[in-house]
Amino acid sequence: MTEPGTLVLGENDVICLAIDGEHYQINARDVRQLLFFGREVPLNRTVRNKDNADEADDMISIEGHAALNRSGKAVIVYTREGHYIIPLVSFQRVARGEAVSAPLLPLMPDHQEGTI
């Protein structure tokens, strides 16, 4: 079984998520809102304008959100493709730059593969 997703720290303290070939971001301000105040934050995706190489023409769309779970010990990432979870400690270590990356785990196992 391969990892469904990976969480890494990008430029300007942006959290970058790679999930099943798609790339999402949580900006630095939203990371602080999530970690310090427990607020739900948007999961952004940058759509590149193929006709123009100018980054100013890129569009940012909200493709999901991230929130702390009820116990406050994990971050749940909600996307159109599925829901993923990461322990809060791992998320914090990546956000502080103490860890290079951390795996995202599927919240609900895929029953089509025969796993429960």
Protein backbone atom coordinates (compact mmCIF):
# COMPACT_ATOMS: atom_id res chain seq x y z
CA MET A 1 0.00 0.00 0.00
CA THR A 2 1.41 3.40 -0.95
CA GLU A 3 1.06 6.58 1.03
CA PRO A 4 -2.00 8.52 -0.10
CA GLY A 5 -0.46 11.85 0.81
CA THR A 6 2.48 13.80 2.14
CA LEU A 7 2.72 17.02 4.10
CA VAL A 8 5.80 19.29 3.69
CA LEU A 9 6.79 22.83 4.63
CA GLY A 10 7.12 25.10 1.61
CA GLU A 11 8.34 28.64 1.03
CA ASN A 12 7.08 31.39 3.35
CA ASP A 13 5.87 28.81 5.93
CA VAL A 14 3.17 27.48 3.60
CA ILE A 15 2.13 23.89 4.29
CA CYS A 16 2.09 21.91 1.03
CA LEU A 17 0.07 18.73 0.71
CA ALA A 18 0.46 16.20 -2.09
CA ILE A 19 -2.57 13.91 -2.13
CA ASP A 20 -3.04 11.29 -4.85
CA GLY A 21 -1.17 13.38 -7.42
CA GLU A 22 -2.95 16.65 -6.56
CA HIS A 23 -1.18 19.54 -4.80
CA TYR A 24 -2.81 21.71 -2.14
CA GLN A 25 -1.63 24.44 0.23
CA ILE A 26 -2.48 25.94 3.60
CA ASN A 27 -1.04 29.45 3.85
CA ALA A 28 1.00 30.49 6.89
CA ARG A 29 -1.72 32.69 8.38
CA ASP A 30 -4.22 29.83 8.19
CA VAL A 31 -1.71 27.40 9.75
CA ARG A 32 -1.53 29.69 12.78
CA GLN A 33 -5.34 29.94 12.93
CA LEU A 34 -5.58 26.14 12.88
CA LEU A 35 -2.86 25.44 15.45
CA PHE A 36 -3.39 28.28 17.92
CA PHE A 37 -7.14 28.82 17.78
CA GLY A 38 -8.46 25.50 16.45
CA ARG A 39 -10.29 27.14 13.53
CA GLU A 40 -11.15 25.38 10.30
CA VAL A 41 -8.97 26.66 7.48
CA PRO A 42 -9.29 26.45 3.67
CA LEU A 43 -7.27 24.05 1.58
CA ASN A 44 -6.14 25.96 -1.52
CA ARG A 45 -5.11 24.72 -4.92
CA THR A 46 -3.30 26.87 -7.48
CA VAL A 47 -4.52 26.42 -11.03
CA ARG A 48 -1.83 27.46 -13.49
CA ASN A 49 -2.81 29.45 -16.56
CA LYS A 50 -1.36 27.37 -19.39
CA ASP A 51 -1.65 30.17 -21.95
CA ASN A 52 0.47 32.61 -19.99
CA ALA A 53 3.61 31.94 -17.94
CA ASP A 54 2.89 34.95 -15.72
CA GLU A 55 2.18 33.79 -12.16
CA ALA A 56 -0.13 36.77 -11.67
CA ASP A 57 -2.65 35.05 -13.95
CA ASP A 58 -2.75 31.88 -11.81
CA MET A 59 -6.06 31.21 -10.08
CA ILE A 60 -6.37 29.99 -6.49
CA SER A 61 -9.38 27.87 -5.64
CA ILE A 62 -10.55 26.43 -2.34
CA GLU A 63 -10.67 22.65 -2.75
CA GLY A 64 -11.42 21.57 0.82
CA HIS A 65 -10.55 22.41 4.40
CA ALA A 66 -8.49 21.28 7.39
CA ALA A 67 -9.65 21.14 11.00
CA LEU A 68 -8.66 19.70 14.35
CA ASN A 69 -10.56 16.58 15.35
CA ARG A 70 -12.82 16.67 18.43
CA SER A 71 -10.09 15.57 20.81
CA GLY A 72 -7.65 18.14 19.39
CA LYS A 73 -4.97 15.49 18.85
CA ALA A 74 -5.10 15.23 15.06
CA VAL A 75 -5.67 17.35 11.97
CA ILE A 76 -8.26 16.11 9.50
CA VAL A 77 -7.94 17.18 5.87
CA TYR A 78 -11.13 17.14 3.83
CA THR A 79 -10.86 17.11 0.02
CA ARG A 80 -13.20 16.15 -2.80
CA GLU A 81 -11.21 12.94 -3.26
CA GLY A 82 -11.45 11.86 0.39
CA HIS A 83 -10.62 12.59 3.99
CA TYR A 84 -7.16 12.23 5.51
CA ILE A 85 -5.75 12.44 9.01
CA ILE A 86 -2.38 13.33 10.51
CA PRO A 87 -1.44 13.38 14.21
CA LEU A 88 -1.27 16.95 15.52
CA VAL A 89 2.29 16.40 16.77
CA SER A 90 3.46 15.46 13.26
CA PHE A 91 1.65 18.44 11.71
CA GLN A 92 3.25 20.79 14.27
CA ARG A 93 6.74 19.38 13.68
CA VAL A 94 6.45 19.99 9.94
CA ALA A 95 4.96 23.47 10.48
CA ARG A 96 7.90 24.41 12.75
CA GLY A 97 10.45 22.99 10.33
CA GLU A 98 11.56 20.25 12.74
CA ALA A 99 10.55 17.51 10.30
CA VAL A 100 10.99 17.48 6.53
CA SER A 101 7.68 15.74 5.84
CA ALA A 102 4.93 13.62 7.35
CA PRO A 103 2.49 11.13 5.81
CA LEU A 104 -1.23 11.74 5.54
CA LEU A 105 -3.30 8.66 6.26
CA PRO A 106 -6.74 7.91 4.82
CA LEU A 107 -9.42 8.54 7.42
CA MET A 108 -11.64 5.76 6.13
CA PRO A 109 -9.93 2.67 4.69
CA ASP A 110 -10.61 1.71 1.12
CA HIS A 111 -12.97 -1.27 1.26
CA GLN A 112 -12.45 -2.03 -2.41
CA GLU A 113 -8.94 -3.30 -1.68
CA GLY A 114 -10.30 -5.75 0.89
CA THR A 115 -9.02 -3.82 3.92
CA ILE A 116 -11.22 -2.97 6.82
